[in-house]
Amino acid sequence: MARIKIDLDRTIGTVDARIFSGFIEHMGRCIYGGIFEEGSPLGDERGFRRDVMQAIRGLRLPILRWPGGNFSSGYHWVDGVGPRDRRPRRMELAWRAEESNRFGTDEFVEYCRAVGTEPYICVNIGSGTMDEAQAWVEYCNGTGNTYWANLRRQNGHADAFGVKYWGLGNEIYGSWQIGSLSAEDYVKKAVQFAHVMKRTDPSIELVGCGKFGLDDWDRIVLEGLAAHIQWYSIHIYTGSEQYYTNVFVPHQAERALRSCRALIDRVRYAQGIRHPIHVAYDEWNVWYRARANTNWEEQYDLSDSLAAATYLNVFVRHCQTIRMANISEVVNIIAPIMTSPQGLYLQTTYHPLQLYAQHTRPVALDAYVECETYDLTGEEDTSRLRGRAVADLGPFKLLDVAATRDADGRQLTLAVVNRDRDRDWPTTIHVVDRGVDGGVAYEVNGRDPKVRNSFEEPDAVVVRERPLAVAGQRFEYTFPAHSTTVLCLELSRP
């Protein structure tokens, strides 16, 4: 028997809904054939796929990051504005493709408005210049009688876009990146970009390009850039063919967030920086099968869904550090939504993303969890961490829990991931000093951990909803093997 104990007064912090954000990039079929498909019977007059828009709205993404990713380090935004038929077709060097530029800044902002999300633009700090970045901010946000603001008006947009979030490059530390830089050289360039971008619009928030939150790049960049940024980006992808490694390796994000928080605290103290700097984990996902493919289209199984839910629990528990996270990517490329010219299906990872976005409450609680653990020591590390050990993070609790409540203490949400491959876990749930007056259970599960959704079998993994006839301070609930369960509980008045 496992045990979960909740004290409504043991708060961790405020959960920022921006941790449920998304990311799209000009890579494979993410943009063209994904969110944007001109001439499709499923598209609207703008070329936006209506079925994809509906699925994205279901995720309630607060922010959508674009245009990359690696693509951004070679992207010149002026190619993607103005009449579509006059836009140049370019070689695309990041993913060795051709870029039609038929989806650019105007289309991206319009798409964000259509699905109810805020745009986040990552500028080209690889092959790009500070003048180009400054002009992009002016084009999007300028209200004066200036060249770039007038060009936006000429292109049919009288009102400024008001793009708030701007990334100072993407993974510029990597040799795979066009224009890659050392940490010291990146700081010099990023400071120059930050100056002209902020002078153009002082209200924007800048995102510094971090690595994993764990090494000298992060220390050097934070020391040099902290005075200019409000956000610090880290990226970690995980995944493994081995079931238990796959579902536990997202705890690497916990280590990264702890380390990054310490680096941020240190530099703010040392430099007397008064404004807060939060982590934007603006690329995260399970990604290991399709990395060698030419289309990068990962087909997720149920174990990957458990890993995604574990990531989300980590983000909730570290809410004081992380205020933005962007699932990479939203459509077709390692994505929760997969399309064909005829329709779409929802991958196994879609369902926890949707449930958490809908039911996570604003106040995070410090849940006490007592259950069996699993030790990865001695197992071969086949994780997507390039040799970085994950076993030393364990032993891992088989039940991973995030608890949140509303501000008034009337509603409680428990998100519980049972990573046990074979056993259901009967669990006593105890809410201190308060009674439970029923609720609803949502469960993501399938017949086995390897089951996948597909066009042929779109509902192999689905969400099952049922009412909870429970009452009192203690009740028992059995969490099925290899499942994610979200319990939405109504609480009695104190």
Protein backbone atom coordinates (compact mmCIF):
# COMPACT_ATOMS: atom_id res chain seq x y z
CA MET A 1 0.00 0.00 0.00
CA ALA A 2 1.35 3.43 -0.99
CA ARG A 3 0.51 6.68 0.77
CA ILE A 4 0.09 10.30 -0.40
CA LYS A 5 -0.35 12.99 2.22
CA ILE A 6 -1.37 16.56 1.37
CA ASP A 7 -1.17 19.54 3.70
CA LEU A 8 -2.86 22.49 1.97
CA ASP A 9 -0.67 24.93 3.91
CA ARG A 10 2.63 23.41 2.72
CA THR A 11 2.89 25.52 -0.42
CA ILE A 12 5.87 25.55 -2.79
CA GLY A 13 4.95 28.54 -4.93
CA THR A 14 2.75 29.71 -7.78
CA VAL A 15 2.45 27.60 -10.91
CA ASP A 16 2.84 29.68 -14.06
CA ALA A 17 0.55 28.51 -16.86
CA ARG A 18 3.34 29.36 -19.33
CA ILE A 19 4.97 26.01 -18.48
CA PHE A 20 2.34 24.48 -20.80
CA SER A 21 3.57 26.33 -23.90
CA GLY A 22 4.67 25.09 -27.33
CA PHE A 23 7.27 25.40 -30.07
CA ILE A 24 7.14 25.18 -33.88
CA GLU A 25 10.03 25.22 -36.34
CA HIS A 26 10.60 25.06 -40.08
CA MET A 27 11.70 21.45 -39.87
CA GLY A 28 10.23 18.54 -41.80
CA ARG A 29 6.42 18.75 -41.86
CA CYS A 30 5.94 20.91 -38.77
CA ILE A 31 5.00 24.08 -40.66
CA TYR A 32 4.31 23.01 -44.24
CA GLY A 33 1.92 20.07 -44.18
CA GLY A 34 1.38 20.57 -40.47
CA ILE A 35 -0.08 23.85 -39.27
CA PHE A 36 0.02 25.42 -42.74
CA GLU A 37 -1.11 23.66 -45.92
CA GLU A 38 -2.19 25.87 -48.78
CA GLY A 39 -4.75 24.32 -51.12
CA SER A 40 -5.80 21.66 -48.62
CA PRO A 41 -9.54 21.03 -48.24
CA LEU A 42 -8.83 21.03 -44.47
CA GLY A 43 -7.31 24.51 -44.61
CA ASP A 44 -8.95 27.90 -44.28
CA GLU A 45 -8.51 30.88 -46.59
CA ARG A 46 -5.16 31.68 -44.91
CA GLY A 47 -3.78 28.18 -45.41
CA PHE A 48 -4.12 27.24 -41.73
CA ARG A 49 -5.25 23.65 -41.14
CA ARG A 50 -8.56 23.89 -39.27
CA ASP A 51 -8.26 20.45 -37.68
CA VAL A 52 -4.77 21.26 -36.38
CA MET A 53 -5.94 24.58 -34.97
CA GLN A 54 -8.70 22.78 -33.07
CA ALA A 55 -6.23 20.26 -31.63
CA ILE A 56 -3.79 23.02 -30.64
CA ARG A 57 -6.56 25.00 -28.95
CA GLY A 58 -7.23 21.89 -26.88
CA LEU A 59 -3.71 22.19 -25.44
CA ARG A 60 -4.34 25.77 -24.28
CA LEU A 61 -0.81 26.88 -25.16
CA PRO A 62 -0.08 30.23 -23.45
CA ILE A 63 3.00 30.88 -25.67
CA LEU A 64 4.19 29.57 -29.04
CA ARG A 65 7.91 29.80 -29.88
CA TRP A 66 9.11 30.24 -33.51
CA PRO A 67 10.95 30.05 -35.98
CA GLY A 68 13.48 27.79 -34.29
CA GLY A 69 15.35 25.90 -33.17
CA ASN A 70 18.31 25.38 -35.42
CA PHE A 71 16.41 26.97 -38.31
CA SER A 72 16.58 30.39 -36.64
CA SER A 73 20.40 30.56 -36.83
CA GLY A 74 20.26 30.89 -40.62
CA TYR A 75 16.86 32.57 -41.04
CA HIS A 76 16.55 36.10 -42.42
CA TRP A 77 13.09 37.29 -41.49
CA VAL A 78 12.75 39.84 -44.31
CA ASP A 79 12.52 36.89 -46.73
CA GLY A 80 9.21 35.94 -45.11
CA VAL A 81 7.19 39.17 -45.29
CA GLY A 82 5.33 40.89 -48.08
CA PRO A 83 3.31 39.28 -50.91
CA ARG A 84 3.84 35.50 -50.73
CA ASP A 85 4.41 35.06 -54.45
CA ARG A 86 7.29 37.55 -54.36
CA ARG A 87 9.13 35.97 -51.45
CA PRO A 88 12.45 34.32 -52.32
CA ARG A 89 12.87 30.56 -52.17
CA ARG A 90 16.08 29.79 -50.25
CA MET A 91 18.37 26.92 -49.43
CA GLU A 92 17.77 25.98 -45.80
CA LEU A 93 21.04 24.87 -44.25
CA ALA A 94 20.03 23.79 -40.74
CA TRP A 95 17.92 20.85 -41.94
CA ARG A 96 19.27 20.73 -45.53
CA ALA A 97 15.95 21.57 -47.13
CA GLU A 98 14.39 24.30 -49.24
CA GLU A 99 12.46 27.12 -47.62
CA SER A 100 9.59 28.68 -49.58
CA ASN A 101 9.14 31.51 -47.03
CA ARG A 102 5.39 31.36 -47.56
CA PHE A 103 4.95 31.17 -43.79
CA GLY A 104 6.70 34.11 -42.15
CA THR A 105 6.30 36.68 -39.39
CA ASP A 106 2.86 37.95 -40.44
CA GLU A 107 1.48 34.41 -40.74
CA PHE A 108 3.03 33.34 -37.44
CA VAL A 109 1.53 36.22 -35.47
CA GLU A 110 -1.84 35.73 -37.17
CA TYR A 111 -1.69 32.02 -36.34
CA CYS A 112 -0.97 32.79 -32.69
CA ARG A 113 -4.01 35.05 -32.56
CA ALA A 114 -6.13 32.36 -34.23
CA VAL A 115 -5.27 29.68 -31.64
CA GLY A 116 -5.24 32.03 -28.65
CA THR A 117 -1.55 32.09 -27.77
CA GLU A 118 1.23 34.67 -27.37
CA PRO A 119 4.08 34.78 -29.95
CA TYR A 120 7.69 34.21 -28.91
CA ILE A 121 10.29 34.94 -31.59
CA CYS A 122 13.86 33.61 -31.53
CA VAL A 123 16.19 35.91 -33.47
CA ASN A 124 19.06 34.85 -35.73
CA ILE A 125 22.22 35.33 -33.71
CA GLY A 126 24.19 32.91 -35.90
CA SER A 127 24.36 34.41 -39.39
CA GLY A 128 22.22 37.42 -38.41
CA THR A 129 23.17 40.96 -37.40
CA MET A 130 22.06 43.29 -34.64
CA ASP A 131 20.53 45.60 -37.24
CA GLU A 132 18.43 42.71 -38.53
CA ALA A 133 17.23 41.85 -35.01
CA GLN A 134 16.47 45.51 -34.26
CA ALA A 135 14.49 45.80 -37.48
CA TRP A 136 12.47 42.70 -36.59
CA VAL A 137 11.44 44.21 -33.25
CA GLU A 138 10.56 47.48 -34.99
CA TYR A 139 8.54 45.65 -37.65
CA CYS A 140 6.56 43.76 -35.03
CA ASN A 141 6.18 46.37 -32.30
CA GLY A 142 6.91 49.78 -33.81
CA THR A 143 4.20 52.43 -33.54
CA GLY A 144 6.03 55.41 -35.02
CA ASN A 145 6.42 56.74 -38.54
CA THR A 146 9.49 54.59 -39.23
CA TYR A 147 10.54 52.38 -42.11
CA TRP A 148 9.98 48.94 -40.60
CA ALA A 149 6.76 49.88 -38.81
CA ASN A 150 5.45 51.36 -42.06
CA LEU A 151 6.44 48.19 -43.92
CA ARG A 152 4.26 46.20 -41.53
CA ARG A 153 1.40 48.58 -42.23
CA GLN A 154 2.03 48.28 -45.96
CA ASN A 155 1.77 44.49 -45.54
CA GLY A 156 -1.74 44.88 -44.13
CA HIS A 157 -1.18 45.18 -40.38
CA ALA A 158 -1.99 48.67 -39.12
CA ASP A 159 -1.64 47.78 -35.44
CA ALA A 160 1.62 46.72 -33.86
CA PHE A 161 1.90 43.00 -33.08
CA GLY A 162 3.16 43.59 -29.55
CA VAL A 163 5.49 40.57 -29.47
CA LYS A 164 6.69 40.39 -25.88
CA TYR A 165 9.14 37.46 -25.82
CA TRP A 166 12.38 37.49 -27.84
CA GLY A 167 15.07 34.81 -27.72
CA LEU A 168 18.71 35.80 -28.19
CA GLY A 169 19.59 32.85 -30.42
CA ASN A 170 19.21 29.10 -30.22
CA GLU A 171 21.76 26.53 -29.00
CA ILE A 172 24.53 28.73 -30.34
CA TYR A 173 27.03 26.69 -28.32
CA GLY A 174 26.57 23.70 -30.67
CA SER A 175 28.74 22.78 -33.66
CA TRP A 176 25.53 21.85 -35.48
CA GLN A 177 24.44 25.48 -35.29
CA ILE A 178 25.11 27.96 -38.09
CA GLY A 179 27.45 30.58 -36.63
CA SER A 180 28.20 28.70 -33.42
CA LEU A 181 30.13 30.64 -30.81
CA SER A 182 32.10 30.21 -27.63
CA ALA A 183 30.36 31.33 -24.46
CA GLU A 184 32.52 34.47 -24.28
CA ASP A 185 31.85 35.44 -27.90
CA TYR A 186 28.14 34.72 -27.53
CA VAL A 187 27.94 37.09 -24.55
CA LYS A 188 29.60 39.88 -26.54
CA LYS A 189 27.21 39.45 -29.45
CA ALA A 190 24.10 38.93 -27.35
CA VAL A 191 24.76 42.07 -25.28
CA GLN A 192 24.93 44.10 -28.50
CA PHE A 193 21.69 42.57 -29.75
CA ALA A 194 20.01 43.18 -26.39
CA HIS A 195 20.94 46.86 -26.38
CA VAL A 196 19.40 47.70 -29.75
CA MET A 197 16.37 45.46 -29.27
CA LYS A 198 15.55 46.96 -25.87
CA ARG A 199 16.09 50.51 -27.15
CA THR A 200 13.59 49.79 -29.89
CA ASP A 201 10.99 48.49 -27.42
CA PRO A 202 11.90 48.64 -23.70
CA SER A 203 8.87 46.52 -22.80
CA ILE A 204 10.10 43.32 -24.44
CA GLU A 205 11.49 40.42 -22.40
CA LEU A 206 14.70 38.77 -23.57
CA VAL A 207 15.65 35.09 -23.29
CA GLY A 208 19.33 34.23 -22.98
CA CYS A 209 20.64 31.12 -24.72
CA GLY A 210 21.54 28.55 -22.09
CA LYS A 211 22.74 25.00 -22.48
CA PHE A 212 21.79 22.34 -19.91
CA GLY A 213 22.03 24.53 -16.81
CA LEU A 214 24.90 22.32 -15.69
CA ASP A 215 28.25 23.44 -17.12
CA ASP A 216 30.66 26.33 -17.73
CA TRP A 217 28.68 27.69 -20.69
CA ASP A 218 25.80 28.46 -18.34
CA ARG A 219 28.04 30.08 -15.73
CA ILE A 220 29.84 32.30 -18.27
CA VAL A 221 26.70 33.33 -20.11
CA LEU A 222 24.73 34.12 -16.97
CA GLU A 223 27.59 36.18 -15.56
CA GLY A 224 27.82 38.18 -18.78
CA LEU A 225 24.17 38.46 -19.73
CA ALA A 226 22.13 38.46 -16.52
CA ALA A 227 21.79 42.24 -16.43
CA HIS A 228 20.08 42.19 -19.84
CA ILE A 229 17.70 39.22 -19.69
CA GLN A 230 14.53 38.23 -17.91
CA TRP A 231 14.68 34.57 -18.96
CA TYR A 232 17.36 31.90 -19.32
CA SER A 233 16.76 29.06 -21.72
CA ILE A 234 17.79 25.42 -21.26
CA HIS A 235 17.15 22.42 -23.51
CA ILE A 236 17.25 18.75 -22.58
CA TYR A 237 15.71 15.93 -24.59
CA THR A 238 15.49 12.44 -23.09
CA GLY A 239 14.41 8.96 -24.09
CA SER A 240 15.45 5.32 -24.03
CA GLU A 241 14.40 1.97 -25.47
CA GLN A 242 14.55 0.60 -21.93
CA TYR A 243 11.23 1.15 -20.20
CA TYR A 244 12.42 2.16 -16.73
CA THR A 245 15.22 4.38 -18.03
CA ASN A 246 12.72 6.09 -20.33
CA VAL A 247 10.20 6.93 -17.61
CA PHE A 248 12.79 7.98 -15.01
CA VAL A 249 15.30 9.95 -17.11
CA PRO A 250 13.13 13.13 -17.19
CA HIS A 251 14.32 13.62 -13.59
CA GLN A 252 17.49 14.91 -15.27
CA ALA A 253 15.43 18.08 -15.75
CA GLU A 254 15.17 18.33 -11.96
CA ARG A 255 18.92 18.28 -11.62
CA ALA A 256 19.27 20.90 -14.36
CA LEU A 257 16.70 23.19 -12.75
CA ARG A 258 18.36 22.96 -9.33
CA SER A 259 21.75 23.77 -10.82
CA CYS A 260 20.44 26.59 -12.99
CA ARG A 261 18.60 28.13 -10.05
CA ALA A 262 21.83 28.17 -8.06
CA LEU A 263 23.74 29.82 -10.91
CA ILE A 264 21.04 32.48 -11.32
CA ASP A 265 20.92 33.18 -7.57
CA ARG A 266 24.70 33.46 -7.42
CA VAL A 267 25.04 35.93 -10.27
CA ARG A 268 22.11 38.07 -9.12
CA TYR A 269 23.65 38.30 -5.65
CA ALA A 270 27.18 38.97 -6.92
CA GLN A 271 26.07 41.67 -9.37
CA GLY A 272 23.25 43.17 -7.34
CA ILE A 273 20.68 42.42 -10.05
CA ARG A 274 17.24 43.28 -8.75
CA HIS A 275 15.00 41.99 -11.52
CA PRO A 276 14.08 38.29 -11.46
CA ILE A 277 15.44 35.81 -14.01
CA HIS A 278 13.38 32.72 -14.60
CA VAL A 279 14.14 29.56 -16.53
CA ALA A 280 12.47 29.09 -19.90
CA TYR A 281 12.79 25.38 -20.67
CA ASP A 282 11.83 26.26 -24.21
CA GLU A 283 12.59 22.91 -25.82
CA TRP A 284 11.76 19.65 -24.07
CA ASN A 285 10.47 16.27 -25.15
CA VAL A 286 11.15 12.58 -25.51
CA TRP A 287 13.31 12.12 -28.63
CA TYR A 288 15.44 9.12 -29.42
CA ARG A 289 13.97 6.86 -32.11
CA ALA A 290 13.65 9.33 -34.95
CA ARG A 291 16.85 11.33 -34.55
CA ALA A 292 18.51 9.47 -37.42
CA ASN A 293 15.47 9.64 -39.69
CA THR A 294 15.11 12.16 -42.48
CA ASN A 295 11.67 13.31 -41.34
CA TRP A 296 12.23 13.27 -37.53
CA GLU A 297 8.68 12.00 -36.93
CA GLU A 298 8.64 10.11 -33.65
CA GLN A 299 5.75 7.74 -33.03
CA TYR A 300 5.21 7.74 -29.29
CA ASP A 301 4.18 4.82 -27.14
CA LEU A 302 2.56 4.81 -23.71
CA SER A 303 5.90 4.84 -21.87
CA ASP A 304 6.74 8.12 -23.64
CA SER A 305 3.45 9.54 -22.36
CA LEU A 306 4.50 8.62 -18.82
CA ALA A 307 7.83 10.35 -19.39
CA ALA A 308 6.05 13.49 -20.65
CA ALA A 309 3.80 13.52 -17.57
CA THR A 310 6.87 13.16 -15.35
CA TYR A 311 8.39 16.23 -17.03
CA LEU A 312 5.21 18.17 -16.25
CA ASN A 313 5.30 17.08 -12.61
CA VAL A 314 8.91 18.25 -12.42
CA PHE A 315 7.94 21.65 -13.82
CA VAL A 316 5.15 22.02 -11.26
CA ARG A 317 7.41 21.07 -8.35
CA HIS A 318 10.06 23.57 -9.50
CA CYS A 319 7.59 26.38 -10.12
CA GLN A 320 9.77 28.93 -8.30
CA THR A 321 12.47 28.46 -10.94
CA ILE A 322 10.70 27.59 -14.18
CA ARG A 323 8.03 29.94 -15.50
CA MET A 324 7.97 28.85 -19.14
CA ALA A 325 8.34 25.50 -20.89
CA ASN A 326 7.72 24.74 -24.57
CA ILE A 327 6.97 21.24 -25.82
CA SER A 328 9.11 20.59 -28.90
CA GLU A 329 7.46 20.44 -31.36
CA VAL A 330 3.70 20.79 -31.54
CA VAL A 331 2.95 19.20 -34.93
CA ASN A 332 4.48 16.23 -36.80
CA ILE A 333 8.10 16.57 -35.61
CA ILE A 334 8.46 14.72 -32.27
CA ALA A 335 4.96 16.03 -31.70
CA PRO A 336 1.71 15.32 -29.86
CA ILE A 337 -0.24 15.96 -33.10
CA MET A 338 0.39 13.99 -36.32
CA THR A 339 -1.18 14.87 -39.65
CA SER A 340 -1.77 13.47 -43.10
CA PRO A 341 -3.40 15.24 -46.07
CA GLN A 342 -6.67 13.60 -44.96
CA GLY A 343 -6.67 14.28 -41.23
CA LEU A 344 -4.79 13.88 -37.95
CA TYR A 345 -4.47 11.73 -34.85
CA LEU A 346 -3.38 12.56 -31.32
CA GLN A 347 -0.26 10.85 -30.04
CA THR A 348 -0.02 9.30 -26.59
CA THR A 349 1.81 12.41 -25.32
CA TYR A 350 -1.06 14.73 -26.24
CA HIS A 351 -3.29 13.53 -23.43
CA PRO A 352 -1.16 14.44 -20.37
CA LEU A 353 -0.36 17.80 -21.95
CA GLN A 354 -4.05 18.53 -22.34
CA LEU A 355 -5.04 17.27 -18.88
CA TYR A 356 -2.35 19.21 -17.05
CA ALA A 357 -3.09 22.43 -18.95
CA GLN A 358 -6.78 22.12 -18.11
CA HIS A 359 -6.64 20.96 -14.50
CA THR A 360 -3.42 22.17 -12.84
CA ARG A 361 -4.28 24.71 -10.13
CA PRO A 362 -2.24 27.85 -9.44
CA VAL A 363 -0.76 26.92 -6.01
CA ALA A 364 1.82 24.12 -5.91
CA LEU A 365 1.92 21.94 -2.79
CA ASP A 366 4.67 19.88 -1.21
CA ALA A 367 3.14 16.40 -1.42
CA TYR A 368 4.44 13.64 0.84
CA VAL A 369 4.72 10.36 -1.09
CA GLU A 370 5.51 7.01 0.46
CA CYS A 371 5.88 4.12 -2.00
CA GLU A 372 8.28 1.57 -3.41
CA THR A 373 11.30 2.74 -5.35
CA TYR A 374 13.23 1.45 -8.36
CA ASP A 375 17.02 1.61 -8.72
CA LEU A 376 18.57 1.93 -12.20
CA THR A 377 22.05 1.10 -10.89
CA GLY A 378 23.55 -1.70 -12.96
CA GLU A 379 21.25 -1.18 -15.94
CA GLU A 380 22.79 -0.13 -19.22
CA ASP A 381 22.35 3.61 -19.78
CA THR A 382 20.71 3.90 -23.19
CA SER A 383 19.25 7.32 -22.48
CA ARG A 384 19.36 10.38 -24.71
CA LEU A 385 21.86 12.15 -22.48
CA ARG A 386 25.05 11.29 -24.39
CA GLY A 387 26.60 9.28 -21.60
CA ARG A 388 25.37 11.38 -18.70
CA ALA A 389 24.36 9.03 -15.92
CA VAL A 390 20.79 9.01 -14.70
CA ALA A 391 21.11 6.20 -12.17
CA ASP A 392 22.72 8.54 -9.62
CA LEU A 393 19.48 10.52 -9.48
CA GLY A 394 17.70 7.50 -8.01
CA PRO A 395 16.40 5.37 -6.53
CA PHE A 396 13.17 6.62 -8.08
CA LYS A 397 9.72 6.50 -6.55
CA LEU A 398 7.39 4.44 -8.69
CA LEU A 399 4.63 6.98 -8.04
CA ASP A 400 5.55 10.48 -9.17
CA VAL A 401 3.19 13.13 -7.79
CA ALA A 402 2.46 16.80 -8.30
CA ALA A 403 -0.20 18.46 -6.14
CA THR A 404 -1.85 21.83 -6.75
CA ARG A 405 -4.81 23.70 -5.30
CA ASP A 406 -6.78 26.82 -6.10
CA ALA A 407 -6.21 30.05 -4.17
CA ASP A 408 -9.27 29.51 -1.96
CA GLY A 409 -8.46 25.93 -1.01
CA ARG A 410 -11.68 24.57 -2.47
CA GLN A 411 -10.22 22.45 -5.26
CA LEU A 412 -7.26 20.07 -5.19
CA THR A 413 -5.60 18.40 -8.18
CA LEU A 414 -3.33 15.37 -7.79
CA ALA A 415 -1.36 14.33 -10.86
CA VAL A 416 0.03 10.84 -10.27
CA VAL A 417 2.22 8.91 -12.70
CA ASN A 418 2.49 5.22 -11.84
CA ARG A 419 5.74 4.24 -13.56
CA ASP A 420 5.46 0.62 -12.35
CA ARG A 421 5.36 -1.40 -15.54
CA ASP A 422 3.50 -4.37 -14.06
CA ARG A 423 1.63 -3.51 -10.85
CA ASP A 424 -1.36 -1.47 -9.87
CA TRP A 425 -0.77 0.52 -6.70
CA PRO A 426 -3.50 0.80 -4.05
CA THR A 427 -2.86 4.11 -2.33
CA THR A 428 -4.20 5.87 0.74
CA ILE A 429 -4.71 9.58 0.09
CA HIS A 430 -4.84 11.78 3.19
CA VAL A 431 -5.77 15.47 3.08
CA VAL A 432 -4.78 17.09 6.36
CA ASP A 433 -7.56 18.90 8.25
CA ARG A 434 -9.92 18.96 5.29
CA GLY A 435 -12.56 16.68 3.86
CA VAL A 436 -12.94 15.57 0.26
CA ASP A 437 -16.42 15.82 -1.24
CA GLY A 438 -16.08 13.81 -4.43
CA GLY A 439 -14.43 14.71 -7.68
CA VAL A 440 -13.43 13.39 -11.09
CA ALA A 441 -10.64 11.02 -12.16
CA TYR A 442 -8.98 11.26 -15.57
CA GLU A 443 -6.76 8.35 -16.58
CA VAL A 444 -4.35 8.01 -19.52
CA ASN A 445 -3.57 4.37 -20.17
CA GLY A 446 -3.45 1.55 -22.70
CA ARG A 447 -3.13 -2.20 -22.82
CA ASP A 448 0.68 -2.20 -22.39
CA PRO A 449 3.58 0.28 -22.23
CA LYS A 450 4.52 -0.19 -25.89
CA VAL A 451 1.10 0.56 -27.35
CA ARG A 452 0.93 3.50 -29.75
CA ASN A 453 -1.76 5.60 -31.35
CA SER A 454 -1.80 5.71 -35.14
CA PHE A 455 -4.07 6.53 -38.06
CA GLU A 456 -5.14 2.89 -38.01
CA GLU A 457 -5.69 2.79 -34.24
CA PRO A 458 -6.09 6.39 -33.00
CA ASP A 459 -7.64 5.45 -29.65
CA ALA A 460 -5.23 2.81 -28.37
CA VAL A 461 -4.29 5.32 -25.65
CA VAL A 462 -7.06 7.69 -24.60
CA VAL A 463 -8.32 9.61 -21.58
CA ARG A 464 -10.95 7.80 -19.50
CA GLU A 465 -13.05 9.94 -17.19
CA ARG A 466 -15.10 8.77 -14.23
CA PRO A 467 -16.70 10.38 -11.16
CA LEU A 468 -15.19 9.82 -7.73
CA ALA A 469 -17.62 8.95 -4.95
CA VAL A 470 -15.16 9.64 -2.11
CA ALA A 471 -15.58 11.58 1.10
CA GLY A 472 -13.64 12.44 4.24
CA GLN A 473 -10.01 13.17 4.99
CA ARG A 474 -8.81 9.75 3.87
CA PHE A 475 -9.76 7.58 0.97
CA GLU A 476 -8.18 4.85 -1.12
CA TYR A 477 -7.50 4.94 -4.83
CA THR A 478 -5.71 2.36 -6.97
CA PHE A 479 -3.40 3.76 -9.64
CA PRO A 480 -3.18 1.26 -12.51
CA ALA A 481 0.15 0.07 -13.86
CA HIS A 482 1.80 2.29 -16.51
CA SER A 483 -0.77 5.09 -16.13
CA THR A 484 -1.08 8.83 -15.64
CA THR A 485 -4.02 9.82 -13.43
CA VAL A 486 -5.29 13.32 -12.69
CA LEU A 487 -7.62 13.48 -9.69
CA CYS A 488 -9.67 16.67 -9.47
CA LEU A 489 -11.04 16.79 -5.94
CA GLU A 490 -13.61 19.06 -4.34
CA LEU A 491 -12.78 20.05 -0.78
CA SER A 492 -15.14 20.88 2.04
CA ARG A 493 -14.99 24.26 3.72
CA PRO A 494 -12.60 24.48 6.69
